[in-house]
Amino acid sequence: MARRRIHPLQTEGADEGQGASDVHTPLDRERIIQAVLTLLRDEGLGSISMRKIADSLGVKAASLYYHVKDKEQLMHLLAEQISSDVSFPDESLDWQEQLREWALHFRLVLHRYRDAISIMSATMAGSPQRLAHIEFLYRLFAKSGFSDPHIPWFASMVKNFIYSFVDEENRLMAIAAPVEPSDKIEETPATRMQSLSAELYPHFVRLLPYTTAVNWDEEFLFGLKVLVDGFEAQRK
């Protein structure tokens, strides 16, 4: 007798009179992504595997490959999900304000997803949402009178600034969090460095209050302004 072929949306143990939708929610790419996002939040990127995703969904790993061919494609889908959450600014604003609003929201979205920087950095931008953001930056600089050879460089500088800043925020928050409450993070490095010699490290000790104070928003805006001012100096 010929074997009955099982579609990935069906469960092998389902009764003959029951459809898969009566047994559980049909498996699709959106459901897989939501399961991955839950694992990402709870366990981090390093713990995610196709088998673990399948276990969380109550299916066999082979069922996933009908919707996502491998982990590389999954990473691209995660990057696309992150990018889709970043909104575009009002184009009636001047170019500096548009760039500022876009960068602020991009930073905010990156903080919503655990290991977002690793996901974005490990994947090439080739999906619709990611390309839309590159197109936005290129269009913004082009309309503002910047020379074509410089535009991709400026866009990369902005992206790299945001990535590195958020990565540094996450790293320092992770170091400080187990020691002090989040509203007292600035006390931890200062306490550890009180014994430093002012004779050996005069400038470091003098500037210590500024290096240990936590004002991420102000520092981010300052760094962005330095970039924008530098871009302006290079305009035609």
C-alpha atoms as a PDB file:
ATOM      1  CA  MET A   1       0.000   0.000   0.000  1.00  0.00           C
ATOM      2  CA  ALA A   2       1.330   3.423  -0.947  1.00  0.00           C
ATOM      3  CA  ARG A   3       2.418   5.656   1.913  1.00  0.00           C
ATOM      4  CA  ARG A   4       0.445   8.782   2.531  1.00  0.00           C
ATOM      5  CA  ARG A   5       2.582  11.879   1.983  1.00  0.00           C
ATOM      6  CA  ILE A   6       2.682  14.213   4.969  1.00  0.00           C
ATOM      7  CA  HIS A   7       2.625  17.937   4.205  1.00  0.00           C
ATOM      8  CA  PRO A   8       4.754  20.088   6.563  1.00  0.00           C
ATOM      9  CA  LEU A   9       1.591  21.771   7.837  1.00  0.00           C
ATOM     10  CA  GLN A  10       0.204  18.441   9.015  1.00  0.00           C
ATOM     11  CA  THR A  11       1.004  16.351  12.062  1.00  0.00           C
ATOM     12  CA  GLU A  12       1.875  12.716  11.460  1.00  0.00           C
ATOM     13  CA  GLY A  13      -0.096  11.552  14.467  1.00  0.00           C
ATOM     14  CA  ALA A  14      -3.262  13.412  13.568  1.00  0.00           C
ATOM     15  CA  ASP A  15      -6.486  11.459  13.233  1.00  0.00           C
ATOM     16  CA  GLU A  16      -7.666  10.788   9.720  1.00  0.00           C
ATOM     17  CA  GLY A  17     -10.771  12.879  10.290  1.00  0.00           C
ATOM     18  CA  GLN A  18      -8.868  15.859  11.666  1.00  0.00           C
ATOM     19  CA  GLY A  19      -7.074  18.554   9.699  1.00  0.00           C
ATOM     20  CA  ALA A  20      -3.830  20.012  10.986  1.00  0.00           C
ATOM     21  CA  SER A  21      -5.585  23.257  11.854  1.00  0.00           C
ATOM     22  CA  ASP A  22      -7.717  21.320  14.357  1.00  0.00           C
ATOM     23  CA  VAL A  23      -4.624  19.970  16.070  1.00  0.00           C
ATOM     24  CA  HIS A  24      -2.420  23.062  16.245  1.00  0.00           C
ATOM     25  CA  THR A  25      -1.794  26.350  14.531  1.00  0.00           C
ATOM     26  CA  PRO A  26      -0.434  25.668  11.033  1.00  0.00           C
ATOM     27  CA  LEU A  27       3.298  26.127  10.708  1.00  0.00           C
ATOM     28  CA  ASP A  28       4.386  29.049   8.570  1.00  0.00           C
ATOM     29  CA  ARG A  29       7.321  31.426   8.342  1.00  0.00           C
ATOM     30  CA  GLU A  30       5.712  34.057  10.579  1.00  0.00           C
ATOM     31  CA  ARG A  31       5.102  31.525  13.328  1.00  0.00           C
ATOM     32  CA  ILE A  32       8.701  30.339  13.053  1.00  0.00           C
ATOM     33  CA  ILE A  33      10.027  33.895  13.328  1.00  0.00           C
ATOM     34  CA  GLN A  34       7.909  34.581  16.400  1.00  0.00           C
ATOM     35  CA  ALA A  35       9.242  31.416  18.031  1.00  0.00           C
ATOM     36  CA  VAL A  36      12.800  32.459  17.202  1.00  0.00           C
ATOM     37  CA  LEU A  37      12.225  35.921  18.661  1.00  0.00           C
ATOM     38  CA  THR A  38      11.022  34.335  21.896  1.00  0.00           C
ATOM     39  CA  LEU A  39      14.116  32.127  22.055  1.00  0.00           C
ATOM     40  CA  LEU A  40      16.291  35.113  21.220  1.00  0.00           C
ATOM     41  CA  ARG A  41      14.796  37.109  24.075  1.00  0.00           C
ATOM     42  CA  ASP A  42      15.024  34.289  26.601  1.00  0.00           C
ATOM     43  CA  GLU A  43      18.291  32.570  25.685  1.00  0.00           C
ATOM     44  CA  GLY A  44      20.253  34.722  23.241  1.00  0.00           C
ATOM     45  CA  LEU A  45      21.460  34.163  19.699  1.00  0.00           C
ATOM     46  CA  GLY A  46      24.137  31.636  20.609  1.00  0.00           C
ATOM     47  CA  SER A  47      21.568  29.185  21.956  1.00  0.00           C
ATOM     48  CA  ILE A  48      19.362  29.148  18.873  1.00  0.00           C
ATOM     49  CA  SER A  49      19.417  26.067  16.653  1.00  0.00           C
ATOM     50  CA  MET A  50      16.958  24.651  14.145  1.00  0.00           C
ATOM     51  CA  ARG A  51      16.324  21.729  16.494  1.00  0.00           C
ATOM     52  CA  LYS A  52      15.580  24.015  19.426  1.00  0.00           C
ATOM     53  CA  ILE A  53      13.230  26.094  17.280  1.00  0.00           C
ATOM     54  CA  ALA A  54      11.431  22.935  16.189  1.00  0.00           C
ATOM     55  CA  ASP A  55      11.127  21.737  19.790  1.00  0.00           C
ATOM     56  CA  SER A  56       9.612  25.055  20.859  1.00  0.00           C
ATOM     57  CA  LEU A  57       7.021  24.729  18.102  1.00  0.00           C
ATOM     58  CA  GLY A  58       6.297  21.076  18.776  1.00  0.00           C
ATOM     59  CA  VAL A  59       7.330  19.956  15.294  1.00  0.00           C
ATOM     60  CA  LYS A  60      10.180  18.018  13.719  1.00  0.00           C
ATOM     61  CA  ALA A  61      13.204  19.982  12.534  1.00  0.00           C
ATOM     62  CA  ALA A  62      12.592  18.811   8.972  1.00  0.00           C
ATOM     63  CA  SER A  63       9.298  20.716   8.956  1.00  0.00           C
ATOM     64  CA  LEU A  64      11.152  24.017   9.384  1.00  0.00           C
ATOM     65  CA  TYR A  65      13.113  23.598   6.167  1.00  0.00           C
ATOM     66  CA  TYR A  66       9.914  23.826   4.130  1.00  0.00           C
ATOM     67  CA  HIS A  67       9.738  27.497   5.232  1.00  0.00           C
ATOM     68  CA  VAL A  68      13.344  28.413   6.133  1.00  0.00           C
ATOM     69  CA  LYS A  69      16.114  26.614   4.265  1.00  0.00           C
ATOM     70  CA  ASP A  70      18.901  27.085   6.830  1.00  0.00           C
ATOM     71  CA  LYS A  71      20.159  29.167   9.738  1.00  0.00           C
ATOM     72  CA  GLU A  72      21.735  31.694   7.376  1.00  0.00           C
ATOM     73  CA  GLN A  73      18.348  32.489   5.879  1.00  0.00           C
ATOM     74  CA  LEU A  74      16.916  32.654   9.378  1.00  0.00           C
ATOM     75  CA  MET A  75      19.504  35.292  10.303  1.00  0.00           C
ATOM     76  CA  HIS A  76      18.504  37.338   7.265  1.00  0.00           C
ATOM     77  CA  LEU A  77      14.846  37.076   8.266  1.00  0.00           C
ATOM     78  CA  LEU A  78      15.689  38.281  11.770  1.00  0.00           C
ATOM     79  CA  ALA A  79      17.647  41.216  10.359  1.00  0.00           C
ATOM     80  CA  GLU A  80      14.710  42.053   8.124  1.00  0.00           C
ATOM     81  CA  GLN A  81      12.358  41.915  11.117  1.00  0.00           C
ATOM     82  CA  ILE A  82      14.562  44.345  13.038  1.00  0.00           C
ATOM     83  CA  SER A  83      14.811  46.698  10.055  1.00  0.00           C
ATOM     84  CA  SER A  84      11.055  46.672   9.525  1.00  0.00           C
ATOM     85  CA  ASP A  85      10.561  48.177  12.983  1.00  0.00           C
ATOM     86  CA  VAL A  86      12.657  51.255  12.174  1.00  0.00           C
ATOM     87  CA  SER A  87      10.477  54.103  10.944  1.00  0.00           C
ATOM     88  CA  PHE A  88      11.419  56.799   8.467  1.00  0.00           C
ATOM     89  CA  PRO A  89      11.368  60.502   9.425  1.00  0.00           C
ATOM     90  CA  ASP A  90       9.229  63.242   7.946  1.00  0.00           C
ATOM     91  CA  GLU A  91      10.884  64.273   4.675  1.00  0.00           C
ATOM     92  CA  SER A  92       9.811  67.883   5.200  1.00  0.00           C
ATOM     93  CA  LEU A  93      12.514  68.169   7.892  1.00  0.00           C
ATOM     94  CA  ASP A  94      15.993  69.353   6.935  1.00  0.00           C
ATOM     95  CA  TRP A  95      18.557  66.664   6.259  1.00  0.00           C
ATOM     96  CA  GLN A  96      20.293  66.976   9.636  1.00  0.00           C
ATOM     97  CA  GLU A  97      17.025  66.555  11.532  1.00  0.00           C
ATOM     98  CA  GLN A  98      15.943  63.638   9.350  1.00  0.00           C
ATOM     99  CA  LEU A  99      19.239  61.877   9.990  1.00  0.00           C
ATOM    100  CA  ARG A 100      18.975  62.567  13.707  1.00  0.00           C
ATOM    101  CA  GLU A 101      15.418  61.203  13.971  1.00  0.00           C
ATOM    102  CA  TRP A 102      16.260  58.134  11.929  1.00  0.00           C
ATOM    103  CA  ALA A 103      19.386  57.359  13.955  1.00  0.00           C
ATOM    104  CA  LEU A 104      17.571  57.801  17.267  1.00  0.00           C
ATOM    105  CA  HIS A 105      14.828  55.406  16.255  1.00  0.00           C
ATOM    106  CA  PHE A 106      17.292  52.895  14.816  1.00  0.00           C
ATOM    107  CA  ARG A 107      19.162  52.862  18.125  1.00  0.00           C
ATOM    108  CA  LEU A 108      15.886  52.408  20.016  1.00  0.00           C
ATOM    109  CA  VAL A 109      14.875  49.440  17.854  1.00  0.00           C
ATOM    110  CA  LEU A 110      18.278  47.768  18.212  1.00  0.00           C
ATOM    111  CA  HIS A 111      17.773  47.808  21.965  1.00  0.00           C
ATOM    112  CA  ARG A 112      14.447  45.981  21.598  1.00  0.00           C
ATOM    113  CA  TYR A 113      16.103  42.838  20.273  1.00  0.00           C
ATOM    114  CA  ARG A 114      18.685  40.856  22.177  1.00  0.00           C
ATOM    115  CA  ASP A 115      21.895  40.375  20.164  1.00  0.00           C
ATOM    116  CA  ALA A 116      20.573  42.678  17.436  1.00  0.00           C
ATOM    117  CA  ILE A 117      24.047  43.977  16.600  1.00  0.00           C
ATOM    118  CA  SER A 118      25.360  40.453  16.066  1.00  0.00           C
ATOM    119  CA  ILE A 119      22.422  39.672  13.793  1.00  0.00           C
ATOM    120  CA  MET A 120      22.770  42.823  11.715  1.00  0.00           C
ATOM    121  CA  SER A 121      26.562  42.596  11.470  1.00  0.00           C
ATOM    122  CA  ALA A 122      26.529  38.943  10.428  1.00  0.00           C
ATOM    123  CA  THR A 123      24.218  39.487   7.455  1.00  0.00           C
ATOM    124  CA  MET A 124      24.556  41.384   4.203  1.00  0.00           C
ATOM    125  CA  ALA A 125      21.928  44.004   3.420  1.00  0.00           C
ATOM    126  CA  GLY A 126      19.952  42.596   0.510  1.00  0.00           C
ATOM    127  CA  SER A 127      16.375  42.286   1.747  1.00  0.00           C
ATOM    128  CA  PRO A 128      13.627  44.849   0.979  1.00  0.00           C
ATOM    129  CA  GLN A 129      13.484  46.601   4.362  1.00  0.00           C
ATOM    130  CA  ARG A 130      17.243  46.852   4.764  1.00  0.00           C
ATOM    131  CA  LEU A 131      17.650  48.150   1.232  1.00  0.00           C
ATOM    132  CA  ALA A 132      14.898  50.687   1.913  1.00  0.00           C
ATOM    133  CA  HIS A 133      16.965  52.162   4.739  1.00  0.00           C
ATOM    134  CA  ILE A 134      20.079  52.337   2.581  1.00  0.00           C
ATOM    135  CA  GLU A 135      18.029  54.002  -0.138  1.00  0.00           C
ATOM    136  CA  PHE A 136      16.735  56.505   2.423  1.00  0.00           C
ATOM    137  CA  LEU A 137      20.262  57.478   3.473  1.00  0.00           C
ATOM    138  CA  TYR A 138      21.539  57.695  -0.097  1.00  0.00           C
ATOM    139  CA  ARG A 139      18.556  59.806  -1.157  1.00  0.00           C
ATOM    140  CA  LEU A 140      18.922  62.070   1.869  1.00  0.00           C
ATOM    141  CA  PHE A 141      22.577  62.784   1.177  1.00  0.00           C
ATOM    142  CA  ALA A 142      22.079  63.091  -2.586  1.00  0.00           C
ATOM    143  CA  LYS A 143      19.255  65.615  -2.232  1.00  0.00           C
ATOM    144  CA  SER A 144      21.339  67.580   0.256  1.00  0.00           C
ATOM    145  CA  GLY A 145      24.103  68.188  -2.273  1.00  0.00           C
ATOM    146  CA  PHE A 146      26.772  65.697  -1.246  1.00  0.00           C
ATOM    147  CA  SER A 147      29.042  64.247  -3.915  1.00  0.00           C
ATOM    148  CA  ASP A 148      28.241  60.737  -5.125  1.00  0.00           C
ATOM    149  CA  PRO A 149      31.572  59.124  -4.118  1.00  0.00           C
ATOM    150  CA  HIS A 150      31.113  60.288  -0.513  1.00  0.00           C
ATOM    151  CA  ILE A 151      27.489  59.221  -0.061  1.00  0.00           C
ATOM    152  CA  PRO A 152      28.112  55.475   0.538  1.00  0.00           C
ATOM    153  CA  TRP A 153      30.925  56.367   2.926  1.00  0.00           C
ATOM    154  CA  PHE A 154      28.720  58.705   4.944  1.00  0.00           C
ATOM    155  CA  ALA A 155      25.950  56.106   5.125  1.00  0.00           C
ATOM    156  CA  SER A 156      28.422  53.486   6.368  1.00  0.00           C
ATOM    157  CA  MET A 157      29.839  55.892   8.951  1.00  0.00           C
ATOM    158  CA  VAL A 158      26.378  56.537  10.382  1.00  0.00           C
ATOM    159  CA  LYS A 159      25.519  52.836  10.472  1.00  0.00           C
ATOM    160  CA  ASN A 160      28.844  51.903  12.076  1.00  0.00           C
ATOM    161  CA  PHE A 161      28.483  54.653  14.670  1.00  0.00           C
ATOM    162  CA  ILE A 162      25.036  53.391  15.674  1.00  0.00           C
ATOM    163  CA  TYR A 163      26.119  49.749  15.782  1.00  0.00           C
ATOM    164  CA  SER A 164      29.255  50.407  17.808  1.00  0.00           C
ATOM    165  CA  PHE A 165      27.473  52.756  20.198  1.00  0.00           C
ATOM    166  CA  VAL A 166      24.664  50.300  20.941  1.00  0.00           C
ATOM    167  CA  ASP A 167      27.174  47.465  21.272  1.00  0.00           C
ATOM    168  CA  GLU A 168      29.136  49.501  23.820  1.00  0.00           C
ATOM    169  CA  GLU A 169      25.957  50.368  25.715  1.00  0.00           C
ATOM    170  CA  ASN A 170      24.992  46.710  25.936  1.00  0.00           C
ATOM    171  CA  ARG A 171      28.478  45.617  26.962  1.00  0.00           C
ATOM    172  CA  LEU A 172      28.819  48.134  29.777  1.00  0.00           C
ATOM    173  CA  MET A 173      25.266  47.583  30.977  1.00  0.00           C
ATOM    174  CA  ALA A 174      25.921  43.837  31.135  1.00  0.00           C
ATOM    175  CA  ILE A 175      29.102  44.389  33.155  1.00  0.00           C
ATOM    176  CA  ALA A 176      27.470  46.795  35.593  1.00  0.00           C
ATOM    177  CA  ALA A 177      24.013  45.265  35.944  1.00  0.00           C
ATOM    178  CA  PRO A 178      24.877  42.381  38.299  1.00  0.00           C
ATOM    179  CA  VAL A 179      26.680  44.755  40.666  1.00  0.00           C
ATOM    180  CA  GLU A 180      24.383  47.758  40.968  1.00  0.00           C
ATOM    181  CA  PRO A 181      20.792  48.687  40.127  1.00  0.00           C
ATOM    182  CA  SER A 182      20.418  50.183  36.670  1.00  0.00           C
ATOM    183  CA  ASP A 183      19.898  53.692  38.042  1.00  0.00           C
ATOM    184  CA  LYS A 184      23.273  53.530  39.829  1.00  0.00           C
ATOM    185  CA  ILE A 185      25.482  52.065  37.148  1.00  0.00           C
ATOM    186  CA  GLU A 186      27.729  55.110  37.128  1.00  0.00           C
ATOM    187  CA  GLU A 187      28.816  54.361  40.716  1.00  0.00           C
ATOM    188  CA  THR A 188      30.333  50.975  39.948  1.00  0.00           C
ATOM    189  CA  PRO A 189      33.319  51.902  37.737  1.00  0.00           C
ATOM    190  CA  ALA A 190      34.068  54.913  39.928  1.00  0.00           C
ATOM    191  CA  THR A 191      34.186  52.748  43.048  1.00  0.00           C
ATOM    192  CA  ARG A 192      36.520  50.280  41.393  1.00  0.00           C
ATOM    193  CA  MET A 193      38.915  53.008  40.240  1.00  0.00           C
ATOM    194  CA  GLN A 194      39.160  55.069  43.418  1.00  0.00           C
ATOM    195  CA  SER A 195      42.561  53.587  44.198  1.00  0.00           C
ATOM    196  CA  LEU A 196      44.141  54.668  40.912  1.00  0.00           C
ATOM    197  CA  SER A 197      47.233  56.831  41.289  1.00  0.00           C
ATOM    198  CA  ALA A 198      46.735  60.446  40.229  1.00  0.00           C
ATOM    199  CA  GLU A 199      50.493  60.699  39.880  1.00  0.00           C
ATOM    200  CA  LEU A 200      50.698  57.870  37.364  1.00  0.00           C
ATOM    201  CA  TYR A 201      47.448  58.649  35.528  1.00  0.00           C
ATOM    202  CA  PRO A 202      46.766  62.359  36.118  1.00  0.00           C
ATOM    203  CA  HIS A 203      44.491  62.943  33.147  1.00  0.00           C
ATOM    204  CA  PHE A 204      42.622  59.678  33.560  1.00  0.00           C
ATOM    205  CA  VAL A 205      41.900  60.368  37.233  1.00  0.00           C
ATOM    206  CA  ARG A 206      40.917  63.984  36.536  1.00  0.00           C
ATOM    207  CA  LEU A 207      38.461  62.938  33.831  1.00  0.00           C
ATOM    208  CA  LEU A 208      37.141  59.909  35.710  1.00  0.00           C
ATOM    209  CA  PRO A 209      33.822  61.573  36.679  1.00  0.00           C
ATOM    210  CA  TYR A 210      33.081  62.092  32.976  1.00  0.00           C
ATOM    211  CA  THR A 211      34.097  58.591  31.906  1.00  0.00           C
ATOM    212  CA  THR A 212      31.989  56.856  34.556  1.00  0.00           C
ATOM    213  CA  ALA A 213      28.891  59.050  34.321  1.00  0.00           C
ATOM    214  CA  VAL A 214      26.087  57.408  32.373  1.00  0.00           C
ATOM    215  CA  ASN A 215      24.192  59.667  29.998  1.00  0.00           C
ATOM    216  CA  TRP A 216      23.830  57.546  26.905  1.00  0.00           C
ATOM    217  CA  ASP A 217      21.310  59.764  25.158  1.00  0.00           C
ATOM    218  CA  GLU A 218      23.446  62.877  25.468  1.00  0.00           C
ATOM    219  CA  GLU A 219      26.585  61.049  24.358  1.00  0.00           C
ATOM    220  CA  PHE A 220      24.802  59.502  21.371  1.00  0.00           C
ATOM    221  CA  LEU A 221      23.459  62.852  20.197  1.00  0.00           C
ATOM    222  CA  PHE A 222      26.871  64.458  20.647  1.00  0.00           C
ATOM    223  CA  GLY A 223      28.577  61.770  18.577  1.00  0.00           C
ATOM    224  CA  LEU A 224      25.932  62.063  15.893  1.00  0.00           C
ATOM    225  CA  LYS A 225      26.382  65.838  15.802  1.00  0.00           C
ATOM    226  CA  VAL A 226      30.132  65.436  15.338  1.00  0.00           C
ATOM    227  CA  LEU A 227      29.430  63.198  12.352  1.00  0.00           C
ATOM    228  CA  VAL A 228      26.863  65.575  10.873  1.00  0.00           C
ATOM    229  CA  ASP A 229      29.166  68.575  11.307  1.00  0.00           C
ATOM    230  CA  GLY A 230      31.921  66.645   9.565  1.00  0.00           C
ATOM    231  CA  PHE A 231      29.599  65.718   6.711  1.00  0.00           C
ATOM    232  CA  GLU A 232      28.519  69.332   6.341  1.00  0.00           C
ATOM    233  CA  ALA A 233      32.140  70.408   6.011  1.00  0.00           C
ATOM    234  CA  GLN A 234      32.490  68.050   3.030  1.00  0.00           C
ATOM    235  CA  ARG A 235      29.379  69.235   1.211  1.00  0.00           C
ATOM    236  CA  LYS A 236      29.775  70.676  -2.296  1.00  0.00           C
END
